[in-house]
Amino acid sequence: MADTTRKRFPSLSSTAFEHPTDRSTLAALKKAPGLDWVFRKFNEYGGDRAGKLYCVSDTVRVDRTQCPDLYAMLVESCEILDMPVPQLFIDQRPQANAMTFGVESPIIVVYSGLLELLDEPEWRVVLGHELGHIKANHVLYRQVAQFLARFLLSLGGRTFGLGQTLGAGLFYAFFHWYRPRELTADRAALLASQEPETVLNVEMKLAGGSRKLYAQMNKDAFLQQGRDYEEMGKDALNQFYKMGMTLTTTHPFPAVR
């Protein structure tokens, strides 16, 4: 049953919770003429169909008749974020992960390893995070950004290295955008959950990865790790190491999220 005590946000726009870097990058990608239409068509006849075939054949579809409690969480989270309800599937994989694909018909896939790691209230955080990706159009424009980076890299040999240089810059800029887009999705997760401590619990479990040891973890100490990381970054040599650590990472580190 839906929890009517959670606040709803009618007519919510993704701009209300987008990270500033995410918003500015999305605005630039939307100016690429025609590419959004091309990739919508590609997904309509290609990737989306293949992905849905896989999900229907090799995962468990979540709806009112299968895993109804998880489905009720999904429906309520969509009501909170004011968006249509996407399809949801559970994939039997040990990794603590979830993903979203599909442009016209979005599909969320949650790995069983993540559901096993988290408690039920924390599942809502995962759903809200993936819904944030959908509402902010990350699925479509991630593909546009990947295409532009690879296209410029492929031009390197034909343009005396200029295309390769531009492509490499765009390639690393792509990863730089990846991390703020995750923060955008985190903000959507907080709106869906409306329980800051539950969101923090998820980050701690993603960092530590152990249900058995979680009871011995300390939230204040974990938050202090994030502050320690920022303080260590003030050292010039540590800044160099931090840049190397994050150059091609897709997610911010849990302790600093």
Protein backbone atom coordinates (compact mmCIF):
# COMPACT_ATOMS: atom_id res chain seq x y z
CA MET A 1 0.00 0.00 0.00
CA ALA A 2 1.29 3.46 -0.89
CA ASP A 3 2.45 5.70 1.92
CA THR A 4 0.27 8.79 1.57
CA THR A 5 2.45 10.68 4.06
CA ARG A 6 5.18 11.13 1.46
CA LYS A 7 4.95 14.46 -0.32
CA ARG A 8 4.04 14.45 -4.01
CA PHE A 9 5.50 16.96 -6.48
CA PRO A 10 2.92 17.65 -9.20
CA SER A 11 4.34 18.99 -12.48
CA LEU A 12 7.87 18.34 -11.24
CA SER A 13 10.55 19.18 -13.82
CA SER A 14 13.93 17.46 -13.79
CA THR A 15 15.53 20.91 -13.71
CA ALA A 16 14.36 21.14 -10.09
CA PHE A 17 16.81 18.43 -9.01
CA GLU A 18 19.48 18.40 -11.73
CA HIS A 19 23.08 18.94 -10.67
CA PRO A 20 24.35 22.21 -12.27
CA THR A 21 27.07 20.44 -14.30
CA ASP A 22 24.56 17.86 -15.48
CA ARG A 23 22.13 20.58 -16.53
CA SER A 24 24.70 22.58 -18.51
CA THR A 25 26.04 19.47 -20.28
CA LEU A 26 22.55 18.32 -21.19
CA ALA A 27 21.81 21.76 -22.61
CA ALA A 28 24.90 21.51 -24.84
CA LEU A 29 24.03 17.98 -26.01
CA LYS A 30 20.49 19.03 -26.88
CA LYS A 31 21.95 21.54 -29.34
CA ALA A 32 23.50 18.75 -31.46
CA PRO A 33 21.23 19.04 -34.54
CA GLY A 34 19.21 15.93 -35.34
CA LEU A 35 21.15 13.51 -33.17
CA ASP A 36 18.38 13.09 -30.62
CA TRP A 37 15.96 12.06 -33.41
CA VAL A 38 18.51 9.61 -34.87
CA PHE A 39 19.10 7.92 -31.55
CA ARG A 40 15.42 7.77 -30.72
CA LYS A 41 14.87 5.87 -33.97
CA PHE A 42 17.91 3.66 -33.35
CA ASN A 43 16.50 2.66 -29.97
CA GLU A 44 13.01 2.19 -31.31
CA TYR A 45 14.14 -0.38 -33.88
CA GLY A 46 17.35 -1.63 -32.29
CA GLY A 47 18.65 -1.49 -28.74
CA ASP A 48 15.33 -1.11 -26.95
CA ARG A 49 13.83 -4.15 -28.68
CA ALA A 50 16.83 -6.36 -28.04
CA GLY A 51 16.98 -5.33 -24.40
CA LYS A 52 13.29 -5.97 -23.85
CA LEU A 53 13.55 -9.42 -25.46
CA TYR A 54 16.35 -10.26 -23.04
CA CYS A 55 14.41 -9.03 -20.01
CA VAL A 56 11.20 -10.88 -20.91
CA SER A 57 13.08 -14.12 -21.54
CA ASP A 58 15.77 -14.19 -18.83
CA THR A 59 14.64 -12.04 -15.88
CA VAL A 60 11.57 -11.62 -13.65
CA ARG A 61 9.09 -8.91 -14.59
CA VAL A 62 7.83 -6.93 -11.60
CA ASP A 63 4.15 -6.00 -11.67
CA ARG A 64 0.98 -6.35 -9.61
CA THR A 65 1.19 -10.15 -9.78
CA GLN A 66 4.96 -10.64 -9.32
CA CYS A 67 6.83 -8.98 -6.45
CA PRO A 68 3.83 -6.69 -5.78
CA ASP A 69 5.49 -4.89 -2.83
CA LEU A 70 8.40 -3.78 -4.99
CA TYR A 71 5.98 -2.79 -7.74
CA ALA A 72 3.95 -0.69 -5.28
CA MET A 73 7.17 1.14 -4.36
CA LEU A 74 7.79 1.83 -8.04
CA VAL A 75 4.28 3.17 -8.61
CA GLU A 76 4.42 5.41 -5.56
CA SER A 77 7.87 6.74 -6.51
CA CYS A 78 6.51 7.64 -9.94
CA GLU A 79 3.59 9.44 -8.32
CA ILE A 80 6.03 11.43 -6.17
CA LEU A 81 8.22 12.37 -9.15
CA ASP A 82 5.17 12.91 -11.41
CA MET A 83 6.18 10.56 -14.23
CA PRO A 84 4.85 7.48 -16.05
CA VAL A 85 5.57 4.05 -14.58
CA PRO A 86 8.35 2.28 -16.51
CA GLN A 87 8.80 -1.47 -16.76
CA LEU A 88 10.83 -3.10 -13.99
CA PHE A 89 12.73 -6.40 -14.07
CA ILE A 90 14.88 -8.33 -11.59
CA ASP A 91 18.00 -9.93 -13.05
CA GLN A 92 19.69 -12.81 -11.22
CA ARG A 93 23.20 -11.44 -10.86
CA PRO A 94 25.41 -11.21 -7.77
CA GLN A 95 26.60 -7.64 -8.36
CA ALA A 96 25.06 -4.83 -6.32
CA ASN A 97 23.90 -2.85 -9.34
CA ALA A 98 20.94 -1.50 -11.27
CA MET A 99 20.58 0.08 -14.69
CA THR A 100 18.11 1.81 -16.95
CA PHE A 101 17.78 1.60 -20.72
CA GLY A 102 15.12 2.37 -23.30
CA VAL A 103 14.29 5.82 -24.61
CA GLU A 104 10.67 5.64 -25.72
CA SER A 105 9.77 2.78 -23.35
CA PRO A 106 12.18 2.93 -20.39
CA ILE A 107 13.09 -0.26 -18.56
CA ILE A 108 14.72 -0.51 -15.14
CA VAL A 109 16.72 -3.63 -14.34
CA VAL A 110 17.72 -4.30 -10.73
CA TYR A 111 20.25 -7.03 -9.99
CA SER A 112 19.28 -9.54 -7.31
CA GLY A 113 22.62 -8.91 -5.58
CA LEU A 114 21.58 -5.31 -4.87
CA LEU A 115 18.19 -6.34 -3.49
CA GLU A 116 19.87 -8.89 -1.23
CA LEU A 117 22.33 -6.29 0.07
CA LEU A 118 19.68 -3.69 0.89
CA ASP A 119 16.69 -3.69 3.21
CA GLU A 120 13.23 -3.08 1.77
CA PRO A 121 13.02 0.68 2.60
CA GLU A 122 16.34 1.08 0.78
CA TRP A 123 14.90 -0.44 -2.39
CA ARG A 124 12.93 2.77 -2.81
CA VAL A 125 16.21 4.70 -3.02
CA VAL A 126 17.38 2.50 -5.89
CA LEU A 127 14.10 2.94 -7.75
CA GLY A 128 14.11 6.70 -7.23
CA HIS A 129 17.70 6.90 -8.51
CA GLU A 130 16.87 5.04 -11.72
CA LEU A 131 13.68 7.05 -12.21
CA GLY A 132 15.81 10.20 -11.93
CA HIS A 133 17.88 9.01 -14.88
CA ILE A 134 14.71 8.50 -16.91
CA LYS A 135 13.11 11.84 -16.02
CA ALA A 136 16.33 13.74 -16.82
CA ASN A 137 16.67 12.07 -20.27
CA HIS A 138 20.05 10.61 -19.35
CA VAL A 139 19.49 7.42 -21.37
CA LEU A 140 19.14 9.25 -24.68
CA TYR A 141 21.84 11.86 -24.22
CA ARG A 142 24.35 9.38 -22.83
CA GLN A 143 24.20 7.70 -26.24
CA VAL A 144 24.52 11.04 -28.04
CA ALA A 145 27.61 11.93 -25.96
CA GLN A 146 29.19 8.52 -26.57
CA PHE A 147 28.62 8.83 -30.30
CA LEU A 148 30.14 12.31 -30.52
CA ALA A 149 33.24 11.25 -28.57
CA ARG A 150 33.81 8.12 -30.64
CA PHE A 151 33.13 9.94 -33.90
CA LEU A 152 35.75 12.59 -33.21
CA LEU A 153 38.25 9.97 -32.06
CA SER A 154 37.74 8.07 -35.33
CA LEU A 155 38.58 11.22 -37.28
CA GLY A 156 42.00 11.49 -35.65
CA GLY A 157 43.96 9.87 -38.47
CA ARG A 158 42.20 11.90 -41.19
CA THR A 159 42.62 15.33 -39.64
CA PHE A 160 46.32 15.26 -38.70
CA GLY A 161 45.42 14.36 -35.12
CA LEU A 162 43.04 17.29 -34.57
CA GLY A 163 39.96 15.07 -34.44
CA GLN A 164 41.70 12.69 -32.11
CA THR A 165 42.65 15.52 -29.78
CA LEU A 166 39.11 16.87 -29.77
CA GLY A 167 37.72 13.37 -29.38
CA ALA A 168 39.96 12.60 -26.42
CA GLY A 169 38.87 15.83 -24.76
CA LEU A 170 35.23 14.99 -25.34
CA PHE A 171 35.84 11.42 -24.16
CA TYR A 172 37.09 12.63 -20.78
CA ALA A 173 34.41 15.32 -20.65
CA PHE A 174 31.88 12.53 -21.13
CA PHE A 175 33.12 10.79 -17.97
CA HIS A 176 33.17 14.14 -16.16
CA TRP A 177 29.46 14.48 -17.02
CA TYR A 178 28.73 10.93 -15.93
CA ARG A 179 29.43 11.70 -12.29
CA PRO A 180 27.18 14.78 -11.95
CA ARG A 181 24.39 12.89 -13.69
CA GLU A 182 24.64 10.31 -10.92
CA LEU A 183 24.28 13.11 -8.39
CA THR A 184 21.16 14.25 -10.23
CA ALA A 185 19.78 10.72 -9.90
CA ASP A 186 20.75 10.69 -6.21
CA ARG A 187 18.66 13.82 -5.69
CA ALA A 188 15.69 12.10 -7.33
CA ALA A 189 16.28 9.14 -5.00
CA LEU A 190 16.09 11.48 -2.01
CA LEU A 191 12.83 12.97 -3.30
CA ALA A 192 11.35 9.49 -3.76
CA SER A 193 12.52 8.20 -0.38
CA GLN A 194 12.23 11.41 1.66
CA GLU A 195 14.38 9.65 4.27
CA PRO A 196 17.94 11.09 4.24
CA GLU A 197 19.24 8.43 6.62
CA THR A 198 17.95 5.66 4.36
CA VAL A 199 19.78 7.20 1.41
CA LEU A 200 22.95 7.35 3.51
CA ASN A 201 22.48 3.69 4.47
CA VAL A 202 22.51 2.75 0.80
CA GLU A 203 25.78 4.59 0.19
CA MET A 204 27.38 2.91 3.21
CA LYS A 205 26.33 -0.53 2.00
CA LEU A 206 27.56 0.19 -1.52
CA ALA A 207 30.91 1.21 -0.07
CA GLY A 208 31.22 -1.63 2.48
CA GLY A 209 29.19 -4.30 0.76
CA SER A 210 28.46 -6.43 3.83
CA ARG A 211 25.10 -6.93 5.53
CA LYS A 212 26.81 -8.72 8.42
CA LEU A 213 29.11 -5.80 9.23
CA TYR A 214 26.59 -3.04 8.54
CA ALA A 215 25.33 -3.05 12.16
CA GLN A 216 28.85 -2.08 13.24
CA MET A 217 29.13 0.83 10.81
CA ASN A 218 28.78 4.40 12.01
CA LYS A 219 27.07 7.05 9.86
CA ASP A 220 28.97 9.98 11.36
CA ALA A 221 32.29 8.20 10.83
CA PHE A 222 31.34 7.44 7.23
CA LEU A 223 30.45 11.07 6.58
CA GLN A 224 33.79 12.03 8.11
CA GLN A 225 35.51 9.90 5.48
CA GLY A 226 34.00 12.16 2.83
CA ARG A 227 35.24 15.25 4.63
CA ASP A 228 38.69 13.65 5.00
CA TYR A 229 38.75 12.97 1.27
CA GLU A 230 37.98 16.61 0.49
CA GLU A 231 40.61 17.80 2.96
CA MET A 232 43.23 15.45 1.50
CA GLY A 233 42.43 16.88 -1.93
CA LYS A 234 43.88 20.25 -0.94
CA ASP A 235 47.37 18.78 -1.25
CA ALA A 236 48.80 19.31 -4.76
CA LEU A 237 50.10 15.76 -5.14
CA ASN A 238 46.83 14.29 -3.86
CA GLN A 239 44.96 16.40 -6.42
CA PHE A 240 47.01 14.70 -9.12
CA TYR A 241 46.14 11.26 -7.73
CA LYS A 242 42.46 12.19 -7.39
CA MET A 243 42.37 13.26 -11.03
CA GLY A 244 43.86 9.93 -12.08
CA MET A 245 41.42 7.99 -9.90
CA THR A 246 38.34 9.73 -11.29
CA LEU A 247 39.34 10.35 -14.91
CA THR A 248 37.28 7.47 -16.31
CA THR A 249 34.97 6.62 -13.40
CA THR A 250 31.24 6.74 -14.05
CA HIS A 251 30.10 7.19 -10.44
CA PRO A 252 31.24 9.47 -7.63
CA PHE A 253 32.77 7.63 -4.69
CA PRO A 254 30.14 6.63 -2.10
CA ALA A 255 31.83 8.45 0.78
CA VAL A 256 31.62 11.79 -1.06
CA ARG A 257 28.23 11.39 -2.76
